[in-house]
């Protein structure tokens, strides 16, 4: 089975002033992201503010993205929650609409054991024909998918890919050394994408690609072509903006810059908040210096 592409964008959800999804804006955003180099879109994930999305929102997001770019990009639905039965329900919803894959986050809040994680993924995999990306982000979920568990997810469950947002590149290097030939591994941290690709990752699930997708795709291509020096130059130019995008909780910063430089995508819904005035100023100044 093929991978989902080199550059996947974890798409935001635009909202109006009443917190209602802006469908037309989202349709145009999907078009923009693919035009800027995204091979696929990850929908209803963390960056989309998934805990605030209703089932009707999910259906709207999936059908709108499919209409906008379904023939030109892979569409992966973030369908994992802390409930296995709910995750299966959302997964079947995405499959019925005709998406290309699902992303399942480690169950959050209830902190399952490694066996519980395996059983969670197994139950979802047994109820879908879609390829499954495992999303490892212990900073948000409270639980790490350990390296040996990743091996079992690959050999016993048959996952398609891993999004690694562990935040510990020593862990990630060992993961890549062990499993890069057996599963597609994606960086889940924009600041570490260069290092991931150099060590054999397929690509990145990016937030920064809402703004600098063309440049990120170019960096990946340069590394894979063996031109590490030019890739390093691109990375160094982009890193200050990437760092600022995550200086306050996502997606506040990226939504601010999209509204400032592209089209109004609204504010994050509580409990997520807008960026501070100080960070907004720094974001604007840093982005303008990129001359994009």
C-alpha atoms as a PDB file:
ATOM      1  CA  UNK A   1       0.000   0.000   0.000  1.00  0.00           C
ATOM      2  CA  UNK A   2       1.298   3.467  -0.865  1.00  0.00           C
ATOM      3  CA  UNK A   3       1.859   6.246   1.643  1.00  0.00           C
ATOM      4  CA  UNK A   4      -0.421   9.284   1.889  1.00  0.00           C
ATOM      5  CA  UNK A   5       2.146  11.697   0.452  1.00  0.00           C
ATOM      6  CA  UNK A   6       5.123  13.710   1.694  1.00  0.00           C
ATOM      7  CA  UNK A   7       3.313  16.813   2.931  1.00  0.00           C
ATOM      8  CA  UNK A   8       0.053  16.456   4.799  1.00  0.00           C
ATOM      9  CA  UNK A   9      -1.578  19.505   6.370  1.00  0.00           C
ATOM     10  CA  UNK A  10      -3.496  19.149   9.620  1.00  0.00           C
ATOM     11  CA  UNK A  11      -6.268  21.487   8.516  1.00  0.00           C
ATOM     12  CA  UNK A  12      -7.869  24.096  10.755  1.00  0.00           C
ATOM     13  CA  UNK A  13     -11.638  24.550  10.932  1.00  0.00           C
ATOM     14  CA  UNK A  14     -12.818  28.098  10.098  1.00  0.00           C
ATOM     15  CA  UNK A  15     -15.590  29.460  12.318  1.00  0.00           C
ATOM     16  CA  UNK A  16     -17.765  32.567  12.132  1.00  0.00           C
ATOM     17  CA  UNK A  17     -18.283  34.955  15.055  1.00  0.00           C
ATOM     18  CA  UNK A  18     -20.962  32.637  16.464  1.00  0.00           C
ATOM     19  CA  UNK A  19     -18.752  29.562  16.358  1.00  0.00           C
ATOM     20  CA  UNK A  20     -20.466  28.078  13.298  1.00  0.00           C
ATOM     21  CA  UNK A  21     -18.267  26.402  10.690  1.00  0.00           C
ATOM     22  CA  UNK A  22     -17.632  28.545   7.599  1.00  0.00           C
ATOM     23  CA  UNK A  23     -18.101  25.951   4.867  1.00  0.00           C
ATOM     24  CA  UNK A  24     -17.212  28.178   1.899  1.00  0.00           C
ATOM     25  CA  UNK A  25     -14.028  29.374   3.583  1.00  0.00           C
ATOM     26  CA  UNK A  26     -13.042  25.792   4.350  1.00  0.00           C
ATOM     27  CA  UNK A  27     -13.616  24.789   0.713  1.00  0.00           C
ATOM     28  CA  UNK A  28     -11.282  27.565  -0.418  1.00  0.00           C
ATOM     29  CA  UNK A  29      -8.752  26.632   2.267  1.00  0.00           C
ATOM     30  CA  UNK A  30      -8.606  23.049   1.000  1.00  0.00           C
ATOM     31  CA  UNK A  31      -7.925  24.370  -2.496  1.00  0.00           C
ATOM     32  CA  UNK A  32      -5.201  26.701  -1.190  1.00  0.00           C
ATOM     33  CA  UNK A  33      -3.422  24.002   0.799  1.00  0.00           C
ATOM     34  CA  UNK A  34      -3.247  21.597  -2.125  1.00  0.00           C
ATOM     35  CA  UNK A  35      -2.116  24.413  -4.425  1.00  0.00           C
ATOM     36  CA  UNK A  36       0.662  25.162  -1.931  1.00  0.00           C
ATOM     37  CA  UNK A  37       2.009  21.606  -2.100  1.00  0.00           C
ATOM     38  CA  UNK A  38      -0.033  19.482   0.288  1.00  0.00           C
ATOM     39  CA  UNK A  39      -0.404  15.915  -0.969  1.00  0.00           C
ATOM     40  CA  UNK A  40      -3.148  15.299   1.554  1.00  0.00           C
ATOM     41  CA  UNK A  41      -5.176  16.845   4.337  1.00  0.00           C
ATOM     42  CA  UNK A  42      -5.669  15.515   7.846  1.00  0.00           C
ATOM     43  CA  UNK A  43      -9.179  16.566   8.878  1.00  0.00           C
ATOM     44  CA  UNK A  44     -10.866  16.791  12.304  1.00  0.00           C
ATOM     45  CA  UNK A  45      -7.617  16.417  14.193  1.00  0.00           C
ATOM     46  CA  UNK A  46      -6.105  18.472  17.003  1.00  0.00           C
ATOM     47  CA  UNK A  47      -5.547  21.524  14.797  1.00  0.00           C
ATOM     48  CA  UNK A  48      -9.178  21.338  13.657  1.00  0.00           C
ATOM     49  CA  UNK A  49     -10.307  21.686  17.297  1.00  0.00           C
ATOM     50  CA  UNK A  50     -11.920  18.261  17.098  1.00  0.00           C
ATOM     51  CA  UNK A  51     -13.280  18.182  20.691  1.00  0.00           C
ATOM     52  CA  UNK A  52     -15.569  21.083  19.750  1.00  0.00           C
ATOM     53  CA  UNK A  53     -16.823  19.517  16.508  1.00  0.00           C
ATOM     54  CA  UNK A  54     -20.266  17.965  16.309  1.00  0.00           C
ATOM     55  CA  UNK A  55     -21.031  14.973  14.159  1.00  0.00           C
ATOM     56  CA  UNK A  56     -22.729  17.352  11.701  1.00  0.00           C
ATOM     57  CA  UNK A  57     -19.499  19.396  11.591  1.00  0.00           C
ATOM     58  CA  UNK A  58     -17.505  16.274  10.803  1.00  0.00           C
ATOM     59  CA  UNK A  59     -19.827  15.330   7.959  1.00  0.00           C
ATOM     60  CA  UNK A  60     -19.625  18.880   6.619  1.00  0.00           C
ATOM     61  CA  UNK A  61     -15.812  18.891   6.809  1.00  0.00           C
ATOM     62  CA  UNK A  62     -15.441  15.522   5.097  1.00  0.00           C
ATOM     63  CA  UNK A  63     -17.893  16.211   2.290  1.00  0.00           C
ATOM     64  CA  UNK A  64     -16.576  19.728   1.691  1.00  0.00           C
ATOM     65  CA  UNK A  65     -12.950  18.585   1.506  1.00  0.00           C
ATOM     66  CA  UNK A  66     -13.897  15.717  -0.795  1.00  0.00           C
ATOM     67  CA  UNK A  67     -15.743  18.100  -3.097  1.00  0.00           C
ATOM     68  CA  UNK A  68     -12.877  20.606  -3.095  1.00  0.00           C
ATOM     69  CA  UNK A  69      -9.801  18.395  -3.512  1.00  0.00           C
ATOM     70  CA  UNK A  70     -10.868  14.760  -3.351  1.00  0.00           C
ATOM     71  CA  UNK A  71      -9.519  14.042  -6.815  1.00  0.00           C
ATOM     72  CA  UNK A  72      -6.160  15.699  -6.135  1.00  0.00           C
ATOM     73  CA  UNK A  73      -5.269  14.890  -2.527  1.00  0.00           C
ATOM     74  CA  UNK A  74      -5.539  12.160   0.071  1.00  0.00           C
ATOM     75  CA  UNK A  75      -8.057  12.868   2.832  1.00  0.00           C
ATOM     76  CA  UNK A  76      -7.381  11.403   6.261  1.00  0.00           C
ATOM     77  CA  UNK A  77      -9.959  11.761   9.023  1.00  0.00           C
ATOM     78  CA  UNK A  78      -8.963  12.137  12.643  1.00  0.00           C
ATOM     79  CA  UNK A  79     -11.515   9.791  14.165  1.00  0.00           C
ATOM     80  CA  UNK A  80      -9.869   8.769  17.424  1.00  0.00           C
ATOM     81  CA  UNK A  81     -11.249   9.808  20.807  1.00  0.00           C
ATOM     82  CA  UNK A  82     -10.909   8.450  24.359  1.00  0.00           C
ATOM     83  CA  UNK A  83     -13.836   6.130  23.613  1.00  0.00           C
ATOM     84  CA  UNK A  84     -13.250   3.066  21.448  1.00  0.00           C
ATOM     85  CA  UNK A  85     -16.914   2.754  20.440  1.00  0.00           C
ATOM     86  CA  UNK A  86     -17.117   6.446  19.514  1.00  0.00           C
ATOM     87  CA  UNK A  87     -13.874   6.140  17.528  1.00  0.00           C
ATOM     88  CA  UNK A  88     -15.360   3.233  15.586  1.00  0.00           C
ATOM     89  CA  UNK A  89     -18.505   5.265  14.906  1.00  0.00           C
ATOM     90  CA  UNK A  90     -16.569   8.254  13.559  1.00  0.00           C
ATOM     91  CA  UNK A  91     -14.332   5.918  11.548  1.00  0.00           C
ATOM     92  CA  UNK A  92     -17.298   4.291   9.852  1.00  0.00           C
ATOM     93  CA  UNK A  93     -18.709   7.745   9.142  1.00  0.00           C
ATOM     94  CA  UNK A  94     -15.487   8.746   7.368  1.00  0.00           C
ATOM     95  CA  UNK A  95     -15.408   5.474   5.428  1.00  0.00           C
ATOM     96  CA  UNK A  96     -19.026   5.859   4.306  1.00  0.00           C
ATOM     97  CA  UNK A  97     -18.233   9.340   2.950  1.00  0.00           C
ATOM     98  CA  UNK A  98     -15.315   7.918   0.989  1.00  0.00           C
ATOM     99  CA  UNK A  99     -12.210   9.263   2.708  1.00  0.00           C
ATOM    100  CA  UNK A 100      -8.803   7.704   2.111  1.00  0.00           C
ATOM    101  CA  UNK A 101      -7.630   6.932   5.630  1.00  0.00           C
ATOM    102  CA  UNK A 102      -8.078   7.535   9.333  1.00  0.00           C
ATOM    103  CA  UNK A 103      -5.807   8.903  12.046  1.00  0.00           C
ATOM    104  CA  UNK A 104      -6.280   7.482  15.538  1.00  0.00           C
ATOM    105  CA  UNK A 105      -4.804   9.308  18.505  1.00  0.00           C
ATOM    106  CA  UNK A 106      -3.828   7.464  21.651  1.00  0.00           C
ATOM    107  CA  UNK A 107      -6.908   7.530  23.915  1.00  0.00           C
ATOM    108  CA  UNK A 108      -6.551  10.618  26.066  1.00  0.00           C
ATOM    109  CA  UNK A 109      -7.544  11.440  29.647  1.00  0.00           C
ATOM    110  CA  UNK A 110      -8.210   7.850  30.752  1.00  0.00           C
ATOM    111  CA  UNK A 111      -4.518   6.794  30.301  1.00  0.00           C
ATOM    112  CA  UNK A 112      -4.872   3.179  29.133  1.00  0.00           C
ATOM    113  CA  UNK A 113      -2.134   0.576  29.527  1.00  0.00           C
ATOM    114  CA  UNK A 114      -0.067  -0.501  26.518  1.00  0.00           C
ATOM    115  CA  UNK A 115      -2.368  -3.522  26.229  1.00  0.00           C
ATOM    116  CA  UNK A 116      -5.369  -1.198  26.321  1.00  0.00           C
ATOM    117  CA  UNK A 117      -3.839   0.859  23.501  1.00  0.00           C
ATOM    118  CA  UNK A 118      -3.341  -2.266  21.401  1.00  0.00           C
ATOM    119  CA  UNK A 119      -6.898  -3.447  22.037  1.00  0.00           C
ATOM    120  CA  UNK A 120      -8.247   0.036  21.155  1.00  0.00           C
ATOM    121  CA  UNK A 121      -6.455   0.072  17.801  1.00  0.00           C
ATOM    122  CA  UNK A 122      -7.366  -3.545  17.112  1.00  0.00           C
ATOM    123  CA  UNK A 123     -11.078  -2.892  17.653  1.00  0.00           C
ATOM    124  CA  UNK A 124     -11.038   0.084  15.293  1.00  0.00           C
ATOM    125  CA  UNK A 125      -8.983  -1.748  12.646  1.00  0.00           C
ATOM    126  CA  UNK A 126     -11.432  -4.657  12.763  1.00  0.00           C
ATOM    127  CA  UNK A 127     -14.290  -2.312  11.888  1.00  0.00           C
ATOM    128  CA  UNK A 128     -12.881  -0.540   8.837  1.00  0.00           C
ATOM    129  CA  UNK A 129     -11.126  -1.156   5.552  1.00  0.00           C
ATOM    130  CA  UNK A 130      -9.384   2.221   5.664  1.00  0.00           C
ATOM    131  CA  UNK A 131      -5.621   2.435   6.275  1.00  0.00           C
ATOM    132  CA  UNK A 132      -4.903   3.562   9.818  1.00  0.00           C
ATOM    133  CA  UNK A 133      -2.351   6.135  10.982  1.00  0.00           C
ATOM    134  CA  UNK A 134      -1.439   5.904  14.675  1.00  0.00           C
ATOM    135  CA  UNK A 135      -0.960   9.317  16.278  1.00  0.00           C
ATOM    136  CA  UNK A 136       1.526   9.343  19.157  1.00  0.00           C
ATOM    137  CA  UNK A 137       1.385  12.629  21.104  1.00  0.00           C
ATOM    138  CA  UNK A 138       1.888  11.967  24.824  1.00  0.00           C
ATOM    139  CA  UNK A 139       2.106  15.670  25.649  1.00  0.00           C
ATOM    140  CA  UNK A 140      -1.620  15.967  24.897  1.00  0.00           C
ATOM    141  CA  UNK A 141      -2.869  12.467  25.689  1.00  0.00           C
ATOM    142  CA  UNK A 142      -0.895  11.673  28.825  1.00  0.00           C
ATOM    143  CA  UNK A 143       0.215   8.289  27.456  1.00  0.00           C
ATOM    144  CA  UNK A 144       3.137   7.346  25.225  1.00  0.00           C
ATOM    145  CA  UNK A 145       2.798   4.558  22.671  1.00  0.00           C
ATOM    146  CA  UNK A 146       6.014   2.755  23.566  1.00  0.00           C
ATOM    147  CA  UNK A 147       8.432   1.472  20.921  1.00  0.00           C
ATOM    148  CA  UNK A 148       7.602  -2.201  21.495  1.00  0.00           C
ATOM    149  CA  UNK A 149       3.890  -1.359  21.278  1.00  0.00           C
ATOM    150  CA  UNK A 150       4.481   0.367  17.938  1.00  0.00           C
ATOM    151  CA  UNK A 151       6.091  -2.843  16.750  1.00  0.00           C
ATOM    152  CA  UNK A 152       2.988  -4.804  17.753  1.00  0.00           C
ATOM    153  CA  UNK A 153       0.716  -2.248  16.088  1.00  0.00           C
ATOM    154  CA  UNK A 154       2.653  -2.879  12.893  1.00  0.00           C
ATOM    155  CA  UNK A 155       2.972  -6.663  13.056  1.00  0.00           C
ATOM    156  CA  UNK A 156      -0.239  -7.650  14.838  1.00  0.00           C
ATOM    157  CA  UNK A 157      -2.736  -4.876  14.003  1.00  0.00           C
ATOM    158  CA  UNK A 158      -1.470  -3.865  10.570  1.00  0.00           C
ATOM    159  CA  UNK A 159      -1.355  -0.098  10.911  1.00  0.00           C
ATOM    160  CA  UNK A 160      -0.442   1.866   7.795  1.00  0.00           C
ATOM    161  CA  UNK A 161       1.555   4.739   9.295  1.00  0.00           C
ATOM    162  CA  UNK A 162       2.646   6.602  12.408  1.00  0.00           C
ATOM    163  CA  UNK A 163       2.440  10.322  13.150  1.00  0.00           C
ATOM    164  CA  UNK A 164       5.171  10.935  15.709  1.00  0.00           C
ATOM    165  CA  UNK A 165       4.675  14.045  17.857  1.00  0.00           C
ATOM    166  CA  UNK A 166       6.485  12.578  20.850  1.00  0.00           C
ATOM    167  CA  UNK A 167       8.827  15.554  21.171  1.00  0.00           C
ATOM    168  CA  UNK A 168      11.885  13.396  21.936  1.00  0.00           C
ATOM    169  CA  UNK A 169      14.019  12.870  18.857  1.00  0.00           C
ATOM    170  CA  UNK A 170      16.100  10.152  20.527  1.00  0.00           C
ATOM    171  CA  UNK A 171      12.863   8.154  20.775  1.00  0.00           C
ATOM    172  CA  UNK A 172      12.020   9.017  17.175  1.00  0.00           C
ATOM    173  CA  UNK A 173      15.459   8.024  15.852  1.00  0.00           C
ATOM    174  CA  UNK A 174      15.118   4.631  17.488  1.00  0.00           C
ATOM    175  CA  UNK A 175      11.604   4.297  16.071  1.00  0.00           C
ATOM    176  CA  UNK A 176      12.888   5.116  12.587  1.00  0.00           C
ATOM    177  CA  UNK A 177      15.836   2.729  12.943  1.00  0.00           C
ATOM    178  CA  UNK A 178      13.522  -0.111  13.948  1.00  0.00           C
ATOM    179  CA  UNK A 179      10.447   0.429  11.825  1.00  0.00           C
ATOM    180  CA  UNK A 180      10.993   2.753   8.845  1.00  0.00           C
ATOM    181  CA  UNK A 181      11.060  -0.224   6.471  1.00  0.00           C
ATOM    182  CA  UNK A 182       7.848  -1.676   7.920  1.00  0.00           C
ATOM    183  CA  UNK A 183       5.550   1.318   8.295  1.00  0.00           C
ATOM    184  CA  UNK A 184       5.286   4.868   6.971  1.00  0.00           C
ATOM    185  CA  UNK A 185       6.530   7.292   9.628  1.00  0.00           C
ATOM    186  CA  UNK A 186       5.598  10.986   9.598  1.00  0.00           C
ATOM    187  CA  UNK A 187       6.971  13.836  11.637  1.00  0.00           C
ATOM    188  CA  UNK A 188       4.264  15.366  13.789  1.00  0.00           C
ATOM    189  CA  UNK A 189       6.479  18.293  14.772  1.00  0.00           C
ATOM    190  CA  UNK A 190       7.245  20.968  12.160  1.00  0.00           C
ATOM    191  CA  UNK A 191      10.474  21.985  13.885  1.00  0.00           C
ATOM    192  CA  UNK A 192      11.830  18.420  13.593  1.00  0.00           C
ATOM    193  CA  UNK A 193      10.729  17.636  10.044  1.00  0.00           C
ATOM    194  CA  UNK A 194      14.232  18.072   8.620  1.00  0.00           C
ATOM    195  CA  UNK A 195      15.680  15.581  11.092  1.00  0.00           C
ATOM    196  CA  UNK A 196      12.842  13.109  10.575  1.00  0.00           C
ATOM    197  CA  UNK A 197      13.274  13.117   6.792  1.00  0.00           C
ATOM    198  CA  UNK A 198      17.066  12.762   7.038  1.00  0.00           C
ATOM    199  CA  UNK A 199      16.547   9.629   9.145  1.00  0.00           C
ATOM    200  CA  UNK A 200      14.062   8.002   6.784  1.00  0.00           C
ATOM    201  CA  UNK A 201      10.605   9.394   7.529  1.00  0.00           C
ATOM    202  CA  UNK A 202       8.207   9.655   4.607  1.00  0.00           C
ATOM    203  CA  UNK A 203       7.031  13.184   5.348  1.00  0.00           C
ATOM    204  CA  UNK A 204       5.284  15.444   7.813  1.00  0.00           C
ATOM    205  CA  UNK A 205       1.803  16.129   9.132  1.00  0.00           C
ATOM    206  CA  UNK A 206       2.227  19.882   9.327  1.00  0.00           C
ATOM    207  CA  UNK A 207       0.496  22.886  10.839  1.00  0.00           C
ATOM    208  CA  UNK A 208       2.953  25.437   9.452  1.00  0.00           C
ATOM    209  CA  UNK A 209       2.089  24.334   5.896  1.00  0.00           C
ATOM    210  CA  UNK A 210      -1.042  26.481   6.123  1.00  0.00           C
ATOM    211  CA  UNK A 211       1.424  29.333   5.546  1.00  0.00           C
ATOM    212  CA  UNK A 212       4.681  27.910   4.140  1.00  0.00           C
ATOM    213  CA  UNK A 213       3.622  24.677   2.478  1.00  0.00           C
ATOM    214  CA  UNK A 214       5.591  25.287  -0.733  1.00  0.00           C
ATOM    215  CA  UNK A 215       8.775  25.877   1.241  1.00  0.00           C
ATOM    216  CA  UNK A 216       8.309  22.810   3.457  1.00  0.00           C
ATOM    217  CA  UNK A 217       7.667  20.599   0.433  1.00  0.00           C
ATOM    218  CA  UNK A 218      10.801  22.001  -1.207  1.00  0.00           C
ATOM    219  CA  UNK A 219      12.869  21.206   1.896  1.00  0.00           C
ATOM    220  CA  UNK A 220      11.624  17.611   1.942  1.00  0.00           C
ATOM    221  CA  UNK A 221      12.412  17.178  -1.752  1.00  0.00           C
ATOM    222  CA  UNK A 222      15.911  18.619  -1.278  1.00  0.00           C
ATOM    223  CA  UNK A 223      16.704  16.190   1.555  1.00  0.00           C
ATOM    224  CA  UNK A 224      15.388  13.215  -0.379  1.00  0.00           C
ATOM    225  CA  UNK A 225      17.469  14.299  -3.387  1.00  0.00           C
ATOM    226  CA  UNK A 226      20.577  14.382  -1.181  1.00  0.00           C
ATOM    227  CA  UNK A 227      21.005  18.159  -1.126  1.00  0.00           C
ATOM    228  CA  UNK A 228      21.294  18.550   2.638  1.00  0.00           C
ATOM    229  CA  UNK A 229      23.042  21.921   2.458  1.00  0.00           C
ATOM    230  CA  UNK A 230      20.215  23.664   0.605  1.00  0.00           C
ATOM    231  CA  UNK A 231      17.650  21.896   2.798  1.00  0.00           C
ATOM    232  CA  UNK A 232      19.449  23.199   5.885  1.00  0.00           C
ATOM    233  CA  UNK A 233      19.271  26.729   4.486  1.00  0.00           C
ATOM    234  CA  UNK A 234      15.514  26.428   3.947  1.00  0.00           C
ATOM    235  CA  UNK A 235      15.032  24.977   7.426  1.00  0.00           C
ATOM    236  CA  UNK A 236      16.969  27.816   9.039  1.00  0.00           C
ATOM    237  CA  UNK A 237      14.880  30.418   7.224  1.00  0.00           C
ATOM    238  CA  UNK A 238      11.582  28.803   8.232  1.00  0.00           C
ATOM    239  CA  UNK A 239      12.421  27.818  11.818  1.00  0.00           C
ATOM    240  CA  UNK A 240      11.768  31.205  13.503  1.00  0.00           C
ATOM    241  CA  UNK A 241       8.209  31.299  12.135  1.00  0.00           C
ATOM    242  CA  UNK A 242       7.627  27.622  12.936  1.00  0.00           C
ATOM    243  CA  UNK A 243       8.759  28.177  16.515  1.00  0.00           C
ATOM    244  CA  UNK A 244       6.399  31.145  16.926  1.00  0.00           C
ATOM    245  CA  UNK A 245       3.436  29.189  15.549  1.00  0.00           C
ATOM    246  CA  UNK A 246       3.749  26.919  18.587  1.00  0.00           C
ATOM    247  CA  UNK A 247       4.735  29.567  21.133  1.00  0.00           C
ATOM    248  CA  UNK A 248       1.090  29.660  22.286  1.00  0.00           C
ATOM    249  CA  UNK A 249      -1.499  26.866  22.028  1.00  0.00           C
ATOM    250  CA  UNK A 250      -2.343  25.800  18.484  1.00  0.00           C
ATOM    251  CA  UNK A 251      -4.328  26.659  16.391  1.00  0.00           C
ATOM    252  CA  UNK A 252      -4.485  30.229  17.701  1.00  0.00           C
ATOM    253  CA  UNK A 253      -1.255  31.428  16.054  1.00  0.00           C
ATOM    254  CA  UNK A 254      -1.835  29.833  12.651  1.00  0.00           C
ATOM    255  CA  UNK A 255      -5.437  31.072  12.590  1.00  0.00           C
ATOM    256  CA  UNK A 256      -4.191  34.586  13.325  1.00  0.00           C
ATOM    257  CA  UNK A 257      -1.735  34.516  10.431  1.00  0.00           C
ATOM    258  CA  UNK A 258      -4.255  33.009   8.008  1.00  0.00           C
ATOM    259  CA  UNK A 259      -6.729  35.758   8.856  1.00  0.00           C
ATOM    260  CA  UNK A 260      -4.022  38.419   8.522  1.00  0.00           C
ATOM    261  CA  UNK A 261      -2.468  37.202   5.277  1.00  0.00           C
ATOM    262  CA  UNK A 262      -5.139  35.162   3.472  1.00  0.00           C
ATOM    263  CA  UNK A 263      -8.790  35.177   4.536  1.00  0.00           C
ATOM    264  CA  UNK A 264     -10.710  35.486   7.802  1.00  0.00           C
ATOM    265  CA  UNK A 265     -10.883  32.027   9.383  1.00  0.00           C
ATOM    266  CA  UNK A 266     -12.310  33.183  12.707  1.00  0.00           C
ATOM    267  CA  UNK A 267     -11.145  32.636  16.244  1.00  0.00           C
ATOM    268  CA  UNK A 268     -10.524  29.334  17.998  1.00  0.00           C
ATOM    269  CA  UNK A 269     -13.401  28.079  20.111  1.00  0.00           C
ATOM    270  CA  UNK A 270     -13.029  27.976  23.878  1.00  0.00           C
ATOM    271  CA  UNK A 271     -11.171  26.624  25.699  1.00  0.00           C
ATOM    272  CA  UNK A 272      -8.664  27.545  22.975  1.00  0.00           C
ATOM    273  CA  UNK A 273      -7.979  31.266  22.713  1.00  0.00           C
ATOM    274  CA  UNK A 274      -6.677  33.901  20.340  1.00  0.00           C
ATOM    275  CA  UNK A 275      -3.007  34.791  20.329  1.00  0.00           C
ATOM    276  CA  UNK A 276      -1.730  37.511  22.600  1.00  0.00           C
ATOM    277  CA  UNK A 277      -1.064  40.946  21.151  1.00  0.00           C
ATOM    278  CA  UNK A 278       2.676  40.495  21.635  1.00  0.00           C
ATOM    279  CA  UNK A 279       2.787  37.203  19.751  1.00  0.00           C
ATOM    280  CA  UNK A 280       0.493  38.542  17.019  1.00  0.00           C
ATOM    281  CA  UNK A 281       2.948  41.353  16.385  1.00  0.00           C
ATOM    282  CA  UNK A 282       5.919  38.976  16.282  1.00  0.00           C
ATOM    283  CA  UNK A 283       4.103  36.596  13.944  1.00  0.00           C
ATOM    284  CA  UNK A 284       3.228  39.385  11.539  1.00  0.00           C
ATOM    285  CA  UNK A 285       6.771  40.745  11.502  1.00  0.00           C
ATOM    286  CA  UNK A 286       8.433  37.362  11.097  1.00  0.00           C
ATOM    287  CA  UNK A 287       6.087  36.221   8.349  1.00  0.00           C
ATOM    288  CA  UNK A 288       6.500  39.467   6.395  1.00  0.00           C
ATOM    289  CA  UNK A 289      10.272  39.027   6.402  1.00  0.00           C
ATOM    290  CA  UNK A 290       9.942  35.718   4.555  1.00  0.00           C
ATOM    291  CA  UNK A 291       8.820  37.640   1.433  1.00  0.00           C
ATOM    292  CA  UNK A 292       6.318  34.940   0.503  1.00  0.00           C
END
